[in-house]
Amino acid sequence: MRRMRVGTGVLVAVAALVLTAGGCGEGGDLTFHNDGPEDVSVVWDEGTLSIDAGGGVQILGSGCTEGDVVITFPSGKSRTLTGPVCPDRAIVIGDGEVDLREP
């Protein structure tokens, strides 16, 4: 029986691949929380949705977005989250601000 030696570089590369895939893999639910005082519009890969002030939306089984997520406020001001955006972070909308946080 032959034994195969695996170098440290290969183990690090495999570990990095596993960590990357775990953070932004297929599946999972995208979560939006609107903690701000006004309704907002959200545009992403799958279309457009409106999130009421003080409300939230969870897109079940959506996985990561392929592109950016754009949040537009009633004032016309918008914030862009450079994609992909993945379910390992919740999109939290405040008074004119947007942040990614652990769910």
C-alpha atoms as a PDB file:
ATOM      1  CA  MET A   1       0.000   0.000   0.000  1.00  0.00           C
ATOM      2  CA  ARG A   2       1.446   3.361  -1.010  1.00  0.00           C
ATOM      3  CA  ARG A   3       1.212   6.351   1.248  1.00  0.00           C
ATOM      4  CA  MET A   4       0.750   9.760  -0.208  1.00  0.00           C
ATOM      5  CA  ARG A   5       2.148  12.859   1.450  1.00  0.00           C
ATOM      6  CA  VAL A   6       0.102  16.000   1.201  1.00  0.00           C
ATOM      7  CA  GLY A   7       2.011  19.248   1.514  1.00  0.00           C
ATOM      8  CA  THR A   8       0.909  22.101   3.767  1.00  0.00           C
ATOM      9  CA  GLY A   9       0.146  24.288   0.727  1.00  0.00           C
ATOM     10  CA  VAL A  10      -2.399  21.769  -0.540  1.00  0.00           C
ATOM     11  CA  LEU A  11      -4.100  21.563   2.866  1.00  0.00           C
ATOM     12  CA  VAL A  12      -4.302  25.352   3.095  1.00  0.00           C
ATOM     13  CA  ALA A  13      -5.779  25.558  -0.413  1.00  0.00           C
ATOM     14  CA  VAL A  14      -8.390  22.899   0.420  1.00  0.00           C
ATOM     15  CA  ALA A  15      -9.263  24.640   3.696  1.00  0.00           C
ATOM     16  CA  ALA A  16      -9.643  27.990   1.901  1.00  0.00           C
ATOM     17  CA  LEU A  17     -11.907  26.395  -0.702  1.00  0.00           C
ATOM     18  CA  VAL A  18     -14.101  24.837   1.993  1.00  0.00           C
ATOM     19  CA  LEU A  19     -14.359  28.135   3.893  1.00  0.00           C
ATOM     20  CA  THR A  20     -15.208  30.063   0.722  1.00  0.00           C
ATOM     21  CA  ALA A  21     -17.851  27.555  -0.319  1.00  0.00           C
ATOM     22  CA  GLY A  22     -19.344  27.515   3.183  1.00  0.00           C
ATOM     23  CA  GLY A  23     -19.775  31.294   3.299  1.00  0.00           C
ATOM     24  CA  CYS A  24     -21.327  31.756  -0.101  1.00  0.00           C
ATOM     25  CA  GLY A  25     -22.618  28.446  -1.322  1.00  0.00           C
ATOM     26  CA  GLU A  26     -25.893  27.348  -2.825  1.00  0.00           C
ATOM     27  CA  GLY A  27     -29.048  27.544  -0.772  1.00  0.00           C
ATOM     28  CA  GLY A  28     -29.813  29.464   2.357  1.00  0.00           C
ATOM     29  CA  ASP A  29     -32.242  32.325   2.902  1.00  0.00           C
ATOM     30  CA  LEU A  30     -31.470  35.969   2.147  1.00  0.00           C
ATOM     31  CA  THR A  31     -32.727  38.157   4.979  1.00  0.00           C
ATOM     32  CA  PHE A  32     -33.608  41.862   4.827  1.00  0.00           C
ATOM     33  CA  HIS A  33     -34.459  43.968   7.918  1.00  0.00           C
ATOM     34  CA  ASN A  34     -35.732  47.518   7.441  1.00  0.00           C
ATOM     35  CA  ASP A  35     -35.104  49.204  10.791  1.00  0.00           C
ATOM     36  CA  GLY A  36     -35.477  52.634   9.180  1.00  0.00           C
ATOM     37  CA  PRO A  37     -38.432  55.019   9.403  1.00  0.00           C
ATOM     38  CA  GLU A  38     -39.429  54.746   5.708  1.00  0.00           C
ATOM     39  CA  ASP A  39     -40.314  52.058   3.177  1.00  0.00           C
ATOM     40  CA  VAL A  40     -37.489  51.130   0.788  1.00  0.00           C
ATOM     41  CA  SER A  41     -37.160  49.490  -2.607  1.00  0.00           C
ATOM     42  CA  VAL A  42     -34.694  46.647  -3.146  1.00  0.00           C
ATOM     43  CA  VAL A  43     -33.440  45.545  -6.560  1.00  0.00           C
ATOM     44  CA  TRP A  44     -31.480  42.328  -6.943  1.00  0.00           C
ATOM     45  CA  ASP A  45     -31.017  39.411  -9.368  1.00  0.00           C
ATOM     46  CA  GLU A  46     -34.538  38.118  -8.933  1.00  0.00           C
ATOM     47  CA  GLY A  47     -36.360  41.425  -9.335  1.00  0.00           C
ATOM     48  CA  THR A  48     -37.640  44.243  -7.166  1.00  0.00           C
ATOM     49  CA  LEU A  49     -39.332  44.190  -3.801  1.00  0.00           C
ATOM     50  CA  SER A  50     -40.577  46.773  -1.338  1.00  0.00           C
ATOM     51  CA  ILE A  51     -39.855  46.510   2.359  1.00  0.00           C
ATOM     52  CA  ASP A  52     -42.041  48.455   4.781  1.00  0.00           C
ATOM     53  CA  ALA A  53     -40.522  50.613   7.503  1.00  0.00           C
ATOM     54  CA  GLY A  54     -39.928  48.455  10.561  1.00  0.00           C
ATOM     55  CA  GLY A  55     -40.467  45.310   8.502  1.00  0.00           C
ATOM     56  CA  GLY A  56     -38.439  42.607   6.886  1.00  0.00           C
ATOM     57  CA  VAL A  57     -38.365  39.992   4.170  1.00  0.00           C
ATOM     58  CA  GLN A  58     -36.749  36.587   3.959  1.00  0.00           C
ATOM     59  CA  ILE A  59     -36.219  35.018   0.526  1.00  0.00           C
ATOM     60  CA  LEU A  60     -36.330  31.287   1.224  1.00  0.00           C
ATOM     61  CA  GLY A  61     -33.791  29.066  -0.512  1.00  0.00           C
ATOM     62  CA  SER A  62     -32.423  31.914  -2.602  1.00  0.00           C
ATOM     63  CA  GLY A  63     -28.737  31.357  -1.902  1.00  0.00           C
ATOM     64  CA  CYS A  64     -26.261  34.057  -2.886  1.00  0.00           C
ATOM     65  CA  THR A  65     -27.104  36.837  -5.292  1.00  0.00           C
ATOM     66  CA  GLU A  66     -25.171  36.759  -8.543  1.00  0.00           C
ATOM     67  CA  GLY A  67     -24.855  40.527  -8.656  1.00  0.00           C
ATOM     68  CA  ASP A  68     -25.254  43.635  -6.566  1.00  0.00           C
ATOM     69  CA  VAL A  69     -28.162  44.494  -4.274  1.00  0.00           C
ATOM     70  CA  VAL A  70     -29.396  48.087  -4.582  1.00  0.00           C
ATOM     71  CA  ILE A  71     -31.514  49.683  -1.847  1.00  0.00           C
ATOM     72  CA  THR A  72     -33.329  52.908  -2.773  1.00  0.00           C
ATOM     73  CA  PHE A  73     -34.827  55.268  -0.205  1.00  0.00           C
ATOM     74  CA  PRO A  74     -37.866  57.545  -0.812  1.00  0.00           C
ATOM     75  CA  SER A  75     -35.503  60.529  -1.068  1.00  0.00           C
ATOM     76  CA  GLY A  76     -33.998  58.922  -4.184  1.00  0.00           C
ATOM     77  CA  LYS A  77     -30.742  58.174  -2.373  1.00  0.00           C
ATOM     78  CA  SER A  78     -29.526  54.622  -2.935  1.00  0.00           C
ATOM     79  CA  ARG A  79     -26.941  52.294  -1.453  1.00  0.00           C
ATOM     80  CA  THR A  80     -25.326  49.412  -3.338  1.00  0.00           C
ATOM     81  CA  LEU A  81     -24.062  46.230  -1.742  1.00  0.00           C
ATOM     82  CA  THR A  82     -21.504  44.779  -4.136  1.00  0.00           C
ATOM     83  CA  GLY A  83     -22.415  41.195  -4.892  1.00  0.00           C
ATOM     84  CA  PRO A  84     -22.473  38.440  -4.382  1.00  0.00           C
ATOM     85  CA  VAL A  85     -24.426  38.894  -1.165  1.00  0.00           C
ATOM     86  CA  CYS A  86     -24.897  35.608   0.678  1.00  0.00           C
ATOM     87  CA  PRO A  87     -27.219  34.217   3.372  1.00  0.00           C
ATOM     88  CA  ASP A  88     -24.411  34.210   5.945  1.00  0.00           C
ATOM     89  CA  ARG A  89     -25.148  37.941   6.429  1.00  0.00           C
ATOM     90  CA  ALA A  90     -28.461  39.758   6.930  1.00  0.00           C
ATOM     91  CA  ILE A  91     -29.019  43.001   5.029  1.00  0.00           C
ATOM     92  CA  VAL A  92     -29.953  45.570   7.668  1.00  0.00           C
ATOM     93  CA  ILE A  93     -31.402  48.859   6.437  1.00  0.00           C
ATOM     94  CA  GLY A  94     -31.426  51.924   8.661  1.00  0.00           C
ATOM     95  CA  ASP A  95     -32.162  55.611   8.240  1.00  0.00           C
ATOM     96  CA  GLY A  96     -30.371  56.113   4.912  1.00  0.00           C
ATOM     97  CA  GLU A  97     -27.770  53.437   5.648  1.00  0.00           C
ATOM     98  CA  VAL A  98     -27.317  49.759   4.819  1.00  0.00           C
ATOM     99  CA  ASP A  99     -25.153  47.232   6.624  1.00  0.00           C
ATOM    100  CA  LEU A 100     -24.388  43.496   6.438  1.00  0.00           C
ATOM    101  CA  ARG A 101     -24.592  41.712   9.789  1.00  0.00           C
ATOM    102  CA  GLU A 102     -24.613  38.191  11.107  1.00  0.00           C
ATOM    103  CA  PRO A 103     -28.205  36.927  11.193  1.00  0.00           C
END
